[in-house]
Amino acid sequence: MGLYEIHPEDALAELGLAVPEVAKPVAAYVPAIRTGNLVMTSGQIPVRAGVPIATGKVGDTVSVELAVEAAQQCTLNAIAAVKAEIGDLALVKRVVKVVAFVASTPDFTGQPQVANGASELLGKVFGERGVHARSAVGVAVLPLDVPVEVEITVEV
């Protein structure tokens, strides 16, 4: 198996999760692109079976708990985009960077807590290779009015 004691997809299965189909882009871009030994995903929104699992703003109609779940779904979609680009998640040497955008009310300051949904899932899937640098950014609005968007960069 190489780098991992347990294959990343087996780690997902232990969590009751699986790599979904790659989410279809909502505009003119590709889900992921490789340059050299890096794979960068486009921003992934929390769609499941083609439908957003939440809409609205965190701090208003979306609870922190639902936003954390949305961040996890975004991350699953990002993992799917990486897998589609490289073929096997066991080729991921390291998660390098995560950027989480959180559509929130002006007074909401818990963006890092929401982004932990992404970070913690990556840690569970990739182990110590999932430890990464991160930005958690509050924004006014995201595509399709979703509350969270996540992009990741991995080394292969």
Protein backbone atom coordinates (compact mmCIF):
# COMPACT_ATOMS: atom_id res chain seq x y z
CA MET A 1 0.00 0.00 0.00
CA GLY A 2 2.96 2.33 0.28
CA LEU A 3 2.43 5.46 2.35
CA TYR A 4 -0.61 4.38 4.38
CA GLU A 5 -1.29 1.76 7.04
CA ILE A 6 -4.93 1.93 5.95
CA HIS A 7 -6.03 3.05 2.49
CA PRO A 8 -7.74 6.47 2.60
CA GLU A 9 -10.92 4.98 1.11
CA ASP A 10 -10.97 2.33 3.83
CA ALA A 11 -10.63 5.12 6.40
CA LEU A 12 -13.65 6.80 4.81
CA ALA A 13 -15.60 3.53 4.93
CA GLU A 14 -14.83 3.19 8.65
CA LEU A 15 -16.50 6.61 9.06
CA GLY A 16 -19.52 5.40 7.11
CA LEU A 17 -18.53 7.56 4.14
CA ALA A 18 -17.47 6.94 0.56
CA VAL A 19 -15.92 8.96 -2.23
CA PRO A 20 -18.87 10.47 -4.12
CA GLU A 21 -19.15 11.10 -7.83
CA VAL A 22 -17.23 14.21 -8.82
CA ALA A 23 -19.52 17.22 -8.48
CA LYS A 24 -20.32 18.81 -11.82
CA PRO A 25 -18.89 22.33 -12.16
CA VAL A 26 -21.48 25.13 -11.96
CA ALA A 27 -19.44 27.39 -14.30
CA ALA A 28 -16.45 27.33 -16.69
CA TYR A 29 -13.78 25.40 -14.78
CA VAL A 30 -12.57 21.87 -14.03
CA PRO A 31 -12.92 20.16 -10.63
CA ALA A 32 -9.14 19.68 -10.18
CA ILE A 33 -5.91 20.24 -12.02
CA ARG A 34 -2.46 18.78 -11.56
CA THR A 35 0.74 20.72 -12.02
CA GLY A 36 3.96 18.88 -11.20
CA ASN A 37 3.47 17.08 -7.90
CA LEU A 38 0.53 19.22 -6.77
CA VAL A 39 -3.18 18.74 -7.32
CA MET A 40 -5.38 21.76 -6.67
CA THR A 41 -9.12 21.49 -6.52
CA SER A 42 -11.58 24.15 -7.53
CA GLY A 43 -13.79 25.35 -4.72
CA GLN A 44 -16.17 22.54 -3.86
CA ILE A 45 -19.64 23.28 -2.55
CA PRO A 46 -21.73 21.02 -0.29
CA VAL A 47 -23.73 19.18 -2.92
CA ARG A 48 -24.83 15.60 -2.41
CA ALA A 49 -26.38 13.80 -5.39
CA GLY A 50 -26.37 17.13 -7.24
CA VAL A 51 -28.33 19.04 -4.59
CA PRO A 52 -26.98 21.49 -1.97
CA ILE A 53 -27.35 20.00 1.52
CA ALA A 54 -27.79 23.52 2.96
CA THR A 55 -28.36 27.08 1.82
CA GLY A 56 -28.24 30.39 3.65
CA LYS A 57 -25.82 32.15 5.98
CA VAL A 58 -24.09 30.83 9.06
CA GLY A 59 -25.19 32.92 12.01
CA ASP A 60 -28.65 33.34 10.48
CA THR A 61 -30.53 30.37 8.96
CA VAL A 62 -27.63 27.88 9.07
CA SER A 63 -26.41 26.50 12.41
CA VAL A 64 -22.73 25.95 13.11
CA GLU A 65 -23.41 22.20 13.25
CA LEU A 66 -24.99 22.20 9.78
CA ALA A 67 -22.14 24.36 8.46
CA VAL A 68 -19.59 21.84 9.82
CA GLU A 69 -21.50 19.06 8.02
CA ALA A 70 -21.48 21.20 4.86
CA ALA A 71 -17.70 21.66 5.19
CA GLN A 72 -17.33 17.88 5.45
CA GLN A 73 -19.42 17.39 2.31
CA CYS A 74 -17.34 19.98 0.47
CA THR A 75 -14.24 18.08 1.53
CA LEU A 76 -15.65 14.75 0.35
CA ASN A 77 -16.30 16.42 -3.00
CA ALA A 78 -12.73 17.76 -3.05
CA ILE A 79 -11.40 14.28 -2.28
CA ALA A 80 -13.48 12.96 -5.20
CA ALA A 81 -11.96 15.59 -7.49
CA VAL A 82 -8.45 14.61 -6.38
CA LYS A 83 -9.18 10.91 -6.92
CA ALA A 84 -10.55 11.61 -10.41
CA GLU A 85 -7.33 13.46 -11.25
CA ILE A 86 -4.82 10.91 -9.87
CA GLY A 87 -6.73 7.62 -9.83
CA ASP A 88 -5.81 6.38 -6.34
CA LEU A 89 -5.97 8.34 -3.07
CA ALA A 90 -3.04 6.29 -1.74
CA LEU A 91 -0.87 8.44 -4.03
CA VAL A 92 -1.53 11.50 -1.83
CA LYS A 93 1.71 12.23 0.04
CA ARG A 94 0.34 15.20 1.97
CA VAL A 95 -2.55 17.59 2.19
CA VAL A 96 -0.76 20.92 1.81
CA LYS A 97 -3.41 23.64 2.08
CA VAL A 98 -7.11 23.99 2.78
CA VAL A 99 -9.13 27.14 2.15
CA ALA A 100 -12.65 27.30 3.59
CA PHE A 101 -15.04 30.07 2.64
CA VAL A 102 -17.98 30.56 5.00
CA ALA A 103 -20.97 32.65 3.94
CA SER A 104 -21.91 34.22 7.24
CA THR A 105 -23.50 37.19 8.90
CA PRO A 106 -21.19 40.17 9.59
CA ASP A 107 -21.09 39.42 13.33
CA PHE A 108 -20.29 35.69 12.98
CA THR A 109 -16.66 34.94 13.88
CA GLY A 110 -16.67 31.14 14.05
CA GLN A 111 -15.27 30.49 10.56
CA PRO A 112 -12.38 28.42 12.02
CA GLN A 113 -14.86 26.15 13.83
CA VAL A 114 -16.76 25.57 10.56
CA ALA A 115 -13.49 24.91 8.70
CA ASN A 116 -12.63 22.26 11.29
CA GLY A 117 -15.26 20.11 9.57
CA ALA A 118 -12.91 19.96 6.59
CA SER A 119 -9.66 19.73 8.56
CA GLU A 120 -10.81 16.99 10.92
CA LEU A 121 -12.15 14.85 8.07
CA LEU A 122 -8.84 15.16 6.18
CA GLY A 123 -7.01 14.08 9.34
CA LYS A 124 -9.23 11.02 9.73
CA VAL A 125 -8.83 10.04 6.07
CA PHE A 126 -5.11 10.75 5.54
CA GLY A 127 -3.74 10.50 9.08
CA GLU A 128 -0.67 12.64 9.75
CA ARG A 129 -0.45 13.30 5.99
CA GLY A 130 -3.72 15.18 6.38
CA VAL A 131 -2.18 17.87 8.60
CA HIS A 132 -2.19 21.09 6.56
CA ALA A 133 -1.97 24.86 6.43
CA ARG A 134 -5.40 26.52 6.31
CA SER A 135 -7.34 29.71 5.80
CA ALA A 136 -10.93 30.17 7.01
CA VAL A 137 -12.57 33.20 5.40
CA GLY A 138 -15.94 34.81 5.99
CA VAL A 139 -17.71 35.97 2.83
CA ALA A 140 -21.00 37.65 1.96
CA VAL A 141 -22.36 35.00 -0.41
CA LEU A 142 -21.30 31.80 -2.20
CA PRO A 143 -22.54 30.08 -5.38
CA LEU A 144 -26.10 28.70 -5.18
CA ASP A 145 -26.40 30.42 -1.75
CA VAL A 146 -24.51 27.55 -0.05
CA PRO A 147 -22.97 28.32 3.35
CA VAL A 148 -19.52 26.78 2.78
CA GLU A 149 -17.03 26.23 -0.04
CA VAL A 150 -13.74 24.34 0.38
CA GLU A 151 -10.69 23.97 -1.87
CA ILE A 152 -7.69 21.79 -1.17
CA THR A 153 -4.16 21.38 -2.48
CA VAL A 154 -2.43 18.02 -2.13
CA GLU A 155 1.05 16.75 -2.93
CA VAL A 156 1.28 13.51 -4.88
